[in-house]
């Protein structure tokens, strides 16, 4: 890696550090693919922090994820790697109270400067009081701790007497990407649309989704139509509408092009959250931010994807070429610059 960045994988308990001005950024569920994306952003100075450690966080039951991530680290020669795990499990009815993981959550919080909650499948609708759609594909149960961790960090409507960890450090940074944003919302008492095409746009087939205007699509379903297509990408490109004076309002940029791969979205907002960006038709929440904790926010789009910084033209889900212009790229550069400033200045 460039700049001599040290990648540390600390899964639950961390030893002390003495290096001055060191930023410790926690990554929740850092699969090799996710870890590679964040490393790319750091190596290419999109995340502008010279003295940074990445702290990977898994549950010990995520054996395959831990194994593959360790193999990736070894293969790439990253140094100073240490692995330990969150050992306690949390029943579904104990996610929004103090539980067996409370001390471990506090330990992670105290030893890091910020967290990124990364992507994945779908949250159990049981957690926001709904039945499960046929199109809902649940994250493994061993990842439910992530939702409890976010509740411990932010609090929520489910337990008004709970004192969130961020009351100790209100400027602590938390970014949720895709599933991470959805976890953030559910953890704080919000709910989700389980299927955007069906619930918001009343579509029941992949063909009907693909025949919609591009701005109404949020995932590439083309590889679902038949077994002949070689377009296996699940990314889709569309524009978003930035809410004025929100955390994403960079003033000179409006309606940037983004890429996404989600079929669920925020319905009822969680406690203390407000909308930062929406789809062009204003029907889908594309970003949100916390009104109590200024450095807590989530995005449904994927600003971490390396191809956004390498190419200027892409195919959308209708196989049409779409251009990524200067302002679109500038939006993404400013996104990570803003992230870097917030992470660096929050101490």
Protein backbone atom coordinates (compact mmCIF):
# COMPACT_ATOMS: atom_id res chain seq x y z
CA UNK A 1 0.00 0.00 0.00
CA UNK A 2 1.07 3.59 -0.55
CA UNK A 3 2.08 5.93 2.28
CA UNK A 4 2.98 3.02 4.55
CA UNK A 5 -0.60 2.64 5.77
CA UNK A 6 -1.03 -0.09 8.34
CA UNK A 7 -4.09 -2.29 8.09
CA UNK A 8 -5.17 -3.64 11.45
CA UNK A 9 -7.96 -6.19 11.75
CA UNK A 10 -9.20 -6.04 15.32
CA UNK A 11 -12.42 -7.96 15.61
CA UNK A 12 -13.53 -7.03 19.08
CA UNK A 13 -10.88 -6.18 21.65
CA UNK A 14 -7.99 -3.88 20.85
CA UNK A 15 -4.58 -3.45 22.39
CA UNK A 16 -3.47 0.08 23.20
CA UNK A 17 -1.86 2.37 20.63
CA UNK A 18 0.71 5.09 21.23
CA UNK A 19 1.21 6.57 17.77
CA UNK A 20 0.33 10.28 17.78
CA UNK A 21 -2.41 11.66 15.54
CA UNK A 22 -3.42 8.18 14.44
CA UNK A 23 -6.92 7.79 13.00
CA UNK A 24 -8.57 4.41 13.60
CA UNK A 25 -11.41 3.72 11.19
CA UNK A 26 -13.57 0.69 11.88
CA UNK A 27 -14.99 -1.33 8.98
CA UNK A 28 -18.00 -3.49 9.74
CA UNK A 29 -17.89 -6.81 7.88
CA UNK A 30 -14.82 -6.00 5.75
CA UNK A 31 -14.92 -8.77 3.15
CA UNK A 32 -11.91 -8.80 0.79
CA UNK A 33 -13.97 -6.92 -1.80
CA UNK A 34 -15.01 -4.24 0.69
CA UNK A 35 -11.54 -3.93 2.17
CA UNK A 36 -10.02 -3.57 -1.29
CA UNK A 37 -12.39 -0.68 -2.09
CA UNK A 38 -11.50 1.28 1.04
CA UNK A 39 -7.78 0.63 0.52
CA UNK A 40 -8.15 1.94 -3.04
CA UNK A 41 -9.71 5.17 -1.78
CA UNK A 42 -6.89 5.67 0.72
CA UNK A 43 -4.08 4.76 -1.67
CA UNK A 44 -5.35 7.22 -4.25
CA UNK A 45 -5.89 10.05 -1.75
CA UNK A 46 -9.66 10.13 -2.14
CA UNK A 47 -9.76 9.50 1.60
CA UNK A 48 -7.20 12.13 2.56
CA UNK A 49 -5.73 10.79 5.78
CA UNK A 50 -2.06 9.87 5.89
CA UNK A 51 -1.92 8.26 9.32
CA UNK A 52 -4.82 5.82 9.35
CA UNK A 53 -5.45 2.29 10.55
CA UNK A 54 -8.36 0.23 9.32
CA UNK A 55 -10.01 -1.77 12.05
CA UNK A 56 -12.01 -4.72 10.69
CA UNK A 57 -14.89 -5.99 12.81
CA UNK A 58 -16.58 -9.40 12.51
CA UNK A 59 -18.41 -11.82 14.78
CA UNK A 60 -16.41 -14.95 15.53
CA UNK A 61 -19.10 -17.12 13.90
CA UNK A 62 -18.36 -15.49 10.52
CA UNK A 63 -15.69 -18.10 9.91
CA UNK A 64 -15.59 -17.91 6.12
CA UNK A 65 -15.51 -14.11 6.03
CA UNK A 66 -12.68 -14.00 8.56
CA UNK A 67 -10.75 -16.69 6.68
CA UNK A 68 -11.09 -14.99 3.29
CA UNK A 69 -10.19 -11.58 4.69
CA UNK A 70 -7.09 -12.98 6.40
CA UNK A 71 -6.05 -14.65 3.15
CA UNK A 72 -6.53 -11.37 1.29
CA UNK A 73 -4.39 -9.49 3.82
CA UNK A 74 -1.63 -12.10 3.66
CA UNK A 75 -1.69 -12.21 -0.14
CA UNK A 76 -1.29 -8.43 -0.37
CA UNK A 77 1.40 -8.26 2.31
CA UNK A 78 -0.41 -5.94 4.68
CA UNK A 79 1.51 -5.73 7.94
CA UNK A 80 0.64 -5.46 11.65
CA UNK A 81 -2.49 -7.57 11.37
CA UNK A 82 -4.22 -8.83 14.49
CA UNK A 83 -7.46 -10.80 14.62
CA UNK A 84 -9.82 -11.34 17.52
CA UNK A 85 -13.59 -11.70 17.59
CA UNK A 86 -16.82 -10.64 19.21
CA UNK A 87 -17.70 -13.79 21.08
CA UNK A 88 -21.18 -13.19 22.44
CA UNK A 89 -24.42 -13.77 20.56
CA UNK A 90 -27.58 -11.68 20.91
CA UNK A 91 -31.14 -13.04 20.70
CA UNK A 92 -33.49 -11.09 18.43
CA UNK A 93 -35.47 -9.83 21.43
CA UNK A 94 -32.34 -8.37 23.06
CA UNK A 95 -30.93 -6.18 20.28
CA UNK A 96 -32.35 -2.90 21.60
CA UNK A 97 -31.33 -3.19 25.26
CA UNK A 98 -28.10 -3.71 27.15
CA UNK A 99 -26.99 -7.25 26.35
CA UNK A 100 -24.03 -9.63 26.36
CA UNK A 101 -22.26 -7.55 23.71
CA UNK A 102 -22.68 -4.17 25.41
CA UNK A 103 -19.18 -4.16 26.90
CA UNK A 104 -17.66 -5.26 23.60
CA UNK A 105 -19.50 -2.49 21.74
CA UNK A 106 -18.20 0.07 24.21
CA UNK A 107 -14.66 -1.27 23.80
CA UNK A 108 -14.81 -0.85 20.01
CA UNK A 109 -16.31 2.62 20.36
CA UNK A 110 -13.60 3.80 22.74
CA UNK A 111 -10.74 2.46 20.58
CA UNK A 112 -11.88 3.84 17.20
CA UNK A 113 -12.47 7.29 15.73
CA UNK A 114 -15.20 6.32 13.30
CA UNK A 115 -17.03 3.43 11.63
CA UNK A 116 -18.24 2.48 8.17
CA UNK A 117 -21.13 0.02 8.06
CA UNK A 118 -20.88 -1.71 4.70
CA UNK A 119 -23.30 -3.54 2.41
CA UNK A 120 -24.99 -6.92 2.33
CA UNK A 121 -28.40 -8.57 2.09
CA UNK A 122 -31.64 -7.65 3.90
CA UNK A 123 -32.56 -7.03 7.54
CA UNK A 124 -35.20 -9.25 9.11
CA UNK A 125 -38.53 -7.34 8.89
CA UNK A 126 -39.37 -8.79 12.31
CA UNK A 127 -37.15 -6.04 13.71
CA UNK A 128 -39.44 -3.30 12.39
CA UNK A 129 -42.73 -5.10 12.91
CA UNK A 130 -43.51 -6.44 9.44
CA UNK A 131 -44.01 -9.80 7.77
CA UNK A 132 -41.32 -10.99 5.38
CA UNK A 133 -41.73 -10.44 1.62
CA UNK A 134 -40.89 -13.27 -0.78
CA UNK A 135 -38.21 -11.06 -2.33
CA UNK A 136 -36.49 -10.35 1.00
CA UNK A 137 -33.17 -12.18 1.34
CA UNK A 138 -31.98 -12.01 4.94
CA UNK A 139 -28.49 -11.36 6.15
CA UNK A 140 -27.07 -14.27 8.20
CA UNK A 141 -28.20 -14.20 11.82
CA UNK A 142 -24.61 -13.73 12.98
CA UNK A 143 -24.76 -10.20 11.54
CA UNK A 144 -27.67 -9.09 13.76
CA UNK A 145 -25.08 -7.78 16.21
CA UNK A 146 -24.43 -4.91 13.76
CA UNK A 147 -27.96 -3.58 14.33
CA UNK A 148 -27.57 -3.86 18.09
CA UNK A 149 -24.22 -2.06 17.86
CA UNK A 150 -25.83 0.81 15.96
CA UNK A 151 -28.61 0.99 18.54
CA UNK A 152 -25.99 1.17 21.30
CA UNK A 153 -24.26 3.97 19.38
CA UNK A 154 -27.34 6.02 18.41
CA UNK A 155 -30.31 4.92 20.52
CA UNK A 156 -33.80 4.65 19.01
CA UNK A 157 -37.55 4.86 19.39
CA UNK A 158 -37.62 1.26 20.73
CA UNK A 159 -36.06 2.19 24.08
CA UNK A 160 -36.29 5.86 25.02
CA UNK A 161 -34.52 5.35 28.35
CA UNK A 162 -31.33 3.99 26.73
CA UNK A 163 -28.34 6.38 26.76
CA UNK A 164 -26.46 6.10 23.43
CA UNK A 165 -22.68 5.81 23.37
CA UNK A 166 -22.43 8.90 21.18
CA UNK A 167 -23.58 11.02 24.11
CA UNK A 168 -19.97 10.57 25.28
CA UNK A 169 -18.50 11.67 21.91
CA UNK A 170 -21.22 13.40 19.86
CA UNK A 171 -18.89 14.12 16.90
CA UNK A 172 -17.88 10.48 16.45
CA UNK A 173 -18.23 9.58 12.75
CA UNK A 174 -20.50 6.81 11.43
CA UNK A 175 -21.15 6.26 7.73
CA UNK A 176 -23.66 3.66 6.53
CA UNK A 177 -23.48 2.47 2.92
CA UNK A 178 -26.47 0.65 1.37
CA UNK A 179 -27.31 -2.07 3.95
CA UNK A 180 -25.34 0.04 6.44
CA UNK A 181 -27.78 2.92 6.00
CA UNK A 182 -30.75 0.56 6.31
CA UNK A 183 -29.27 -0.94 9.49
CA UNK A 184 -28.79 2.58 10.83
CA UNK A 185 -32.44 3.37 10.20
CA UNK A 186 -33.86 0.15 11.66
CA UNK A 187 -31.54 0.30 14.68
CA UNK A 188 -32.90 3.75 15.55
CA UNK A 189 -36.54 2.64 15.27
CA UNK A 190 -37.28 3.21 11.58
CA UNK A 191 -38.71 0.85 8.96
CA UNK A 192 -38.06 -0.15 5.34
CA UNK A 193 -39.78 -0.73 2.06
CA UNK A 194 -38.87 -4.36 1.52
CA UNK A 195 -39.07 -4.16 -2.27
CA UNK A 196 -38.87 -0.88 -4.17
CA UNK A 197 -40.13 -2.20 -7.53
CA UNK A 198 -43.26 -3.74 -6.01
CA UNK A 199 -44.13 -1.43 -3.11
CA UNK A 200 -43.20 1.91 -4.66
CA UNK A 201 -43.58 1.34 -8.41
CA UNK A 202 -46.11 -1.55 -8.44
CA UNK A 203 -43.93 -3.73 -10.70
CA UNK A 204 -44.06 -7.51 -10.45
CA UNK A 205 -41.61 -8.69 -13.16
CA UNK A 206 -37.98 -7.97 -13.93
CA UNK A 207 -38.94 -7.02 -17.50
CA UNK A 208 -41.36 -4.37 -16.28
CA UNK A 209 -38.71 -2.91 -13.98
CA UNK A 210 -36.18 -2.70 -16.80
CA UNK A 211 -38.74 -1.01 -19.05
CA UNK A 212 -39.13 1.83 -16.57
CA UNK A 213 -37.36 5.13 -16.87
CA UNK A 214 -33.76 4.72 -15.73
CA UNK A 215 -34.30 7.17 -12.86
CA UNK A 216 -36.85 4.79 -11.30
CA UNK A 217 -34.43 1.87 -11.16
CA UNK A 218 -32.04 1.26 -8.28
CA UNK A 219 -30.56 -2.12 -9.15
CA UNK A 220 -29.61 -3.93 -12.36
CA UNK A 221 -32.00 -6.85 -12.83
CA UNK A 222 -30.92 -7.70 -16.39
CA UNK A 223 -29.11 -10.88 -15.38
CA UNK A 224 -32.39 -12.14 -13.85
CA UNK A 225 -34.27 -12.28 -17.14
CA UNK A 226 -32.61 -15.30 -18.76
CA UNK A 227 -29.51 -17.46 -18.50
CA UNK A 228 -27.94 -16.19 -21.72
CA UNK A 229 -26.99 -12.67 -20.73
CA UNK A 230 -23.36 -12.02 -19.91
CA UNK A 231 -24.20 -8.82 -18.05
CA UNK A 232 -23.73 -10.02 -14.49
CA UNK A 233 -23.29 -6.57 -12.97
CA UNK A 234 -25.89 -5.60 -10.40
CA UNK A 235 -24.94 -1.91 -10.51
CA UNK A 236 -27.32 0.65 -11.95
CA UNK A 237 -26.59 4.31 -12.70
CA UNK A 238 -29.11 7.07 -11.97
CA UNK A 239 -29.26 10.62 -10.66
CA UNK A 240 -30.22 11.77 -7.17
CA UNK A 241 -31.71 15.01 -5.88
CA UNK A 242 -29.73 16.64 -3.04
CA UNK A 243 -31.72 18.33 -0.26
CA UNK A 244 -30.52 21.96 0.16
CA UNK A 245 -28.31 22.58 3.20
CA UNK A 246 -27.96 18.86 3.86
CA UNK A 247 -24.70 17.07 4.57
CA UNK A 248 -24.43 16.28 0.83
CA UNK A 249 -25.11 19.82 -0.37
CA UNK A 250 -21.82 20.89 -1.93
CA UNK A 251 -23.58 23.98 -3.38
CA UNK A 252 -22.17 23.92 -6.92
CA UNK A 253 -23.35 20.37 -7.67
CA UNK A 254 -26.97 19.37 -8.29
CA UNK A 255 -28.48 16.02 -9.26
CA UNK A 256 -25.24 14.00 -9.44
CA UNK A 257 -25.08 10.62 -11.15
CA UNK A 258 -24.54 7.73 -8.72
CA UNK A 259 -24.48 3.95 -8.86
CA UNK A 260 -26.60 1.70 -6.66
CA UNK A 261 -27.58 -1.91 -6.14
CA UNK A 262 -30.43 -2.00 -3.64
CA UNK A 263 -34.05 -3.12 -3.73
CA UNK A 264 -34.98 -1.85 -0.26
CA UNK A 265 -35.19 1.69 1.09
CA UNK A 266 -36.16 3.79 4.08
CA UNK A 267 -39.88 4.06 4.83
CA UNK A 268 -40.30 5.52 8.33
CA UNK A 269 -37.21 7.43 9.47
CA UNK A 270 -35.46 6.36 12.66
CA UNK A 271 -35.08 8.63 15.66
CA UNK A 272 -33.23 11.91 14.98
CA UNK A 273 -32.79 11.22 11.25
CA UNK A 274 -33.75 13.51 8.39
CA UNK A 275 -33.52 13.09 4.62
CA UNK A 276 -30.40 14.33 2.80
CA UNK A 277 -31.13 13.13 -0.77
CA UNK A 278 -33.94 11.47 -2.72
CA UNK A 279 -34.46 9.89 -6.12
CA UNK A 280 -35.35 12.23 -8.97
CA UNK A 281 -39.06 11.43 -8.55
CA UNK A 282 -38.72 11.95 -4.77
CA UNK A 283 -40.08 8.48 -3.99
CA UNK A 284 -36.91 6.80 -2.70
CA UNK A 285 -34.70 8.08 0.14
CA UNK A 286 -31.13 8.09 -1.18
CA UNK A 287 -29.35 9.53 1.87
CA UNK A 288 -30.08 10.59 5.43
CA UNK A 289 -28.29 12.30 8.29
CA UNK A 290 -28.65 12.49 12.05
CA UNK A 291 -29.87 15.80 13.48
CA UNK A 292 -28.37 15.12 16.93
CA UNK A 293 -24.98 13.72 15.95
CA UNK A 294 -23.50 15.79 13.08
CA UNK A 295 -21.14 13.13 11.71
CA UNK A 296 -23.65 10.28 11.45
CA UNK A 297 -25.09 9.75 7.98
CA UNK A 298 -26.02 7.09 5.46
CA UNK A 299 -26.13 6.72 1.68
CA UNK A 300 -27.96 4.19 -0.50
CA UNK A 301 -25.56 4.66 -3.41
CA UNK A 302 -22.04 3.24 -3.64
CA UNK A 303 -19.48 6.05 -3.59
CA UNK A 304 -16.73 3.54 -2.73
CA UNK A 305 -16.77 1.64 -6.06
CA UNK A 306 -13.31 2.05 -7.74
CA UNK A 307 -14.62 2.08 -11.33
CA UNK A 308 -16.23 5.47 -10.64
CA UNK A 309 -12.74 6.96 -10.39
CA UNK A 310 -11.30 5.07 -13.37
CA UNK A 311 -13.94 5.41 -16.11
CA UNK A 312 -16.12 8.13 -17.59
CA UNK A 313 -18.69 5.98 -19.41
CA UNK A 314 -20.81 3.10 -18.11
CA UNK A 315 -23.70 0.89 -19.17
CA UNK A 316 -26.86 1.23 -17.16
CA UNK A 317 -29.24 -1.68 -16.65
CA UNK A 318 -30.85 -1.05 -20.05
CA UNK A 319 -27.45 -1.46 -21.74
CA UNK A 320 -27.41 2.23 -22.63
CA UNK A 321 -24.16 4.15 -22.40
CA UNK A 322 -24.27 6.82 -19.72
CA UNK A 323 -21.60 9.46 -19.21
CA UNK A 324 -20.03 10.25 -15.86
CA UNK A 325 -19.18 13.93 -16.34
CA UNK A 326 -16.85 16.25 -14.47
CA UNK A 327 -19.50 17.38 -12.00
CA UNK A 328 -20.51 13.78 -11.22
CA UNK A 329 -16.93 12.85 -10.43
CA UNK A 330 -16.47 16.06 -8.46
CA UNK A 331 -19.45 15.14 -6.29
CA UNK A 332 -17.79 11.82 -5.37
CA UNK A 333 -14.44 13.48 -4.73
CA UNK A 334 -16.11 16.03 -2.45
CA UNK A 335 -18.00 13.24 -0.70
CA UNK A 336 -14.77 11.56 0.41
CA UNK A 337 -13.03 14.86 1.10
CA UNK A 338 -15.91 15.83 3.39
CA UNK A 339 -15.72 12.38 5.01
CA UNK A 340 -11.97 12.81 5.57
CA UNK A 341 -12.33 16.24 7.14
CA UNK A 342 -15.07 15.04 9.46
CA UNK A 343 -13.07 12.00 10.55
CA UNK A 344 -9.86 13.99 11.03
CA UNK A 345 -11.45 16.90 12.92
CA UNK A 346 -13.76 14.99 15.24
CA UNK A 347 -11.09 14.27 17.87
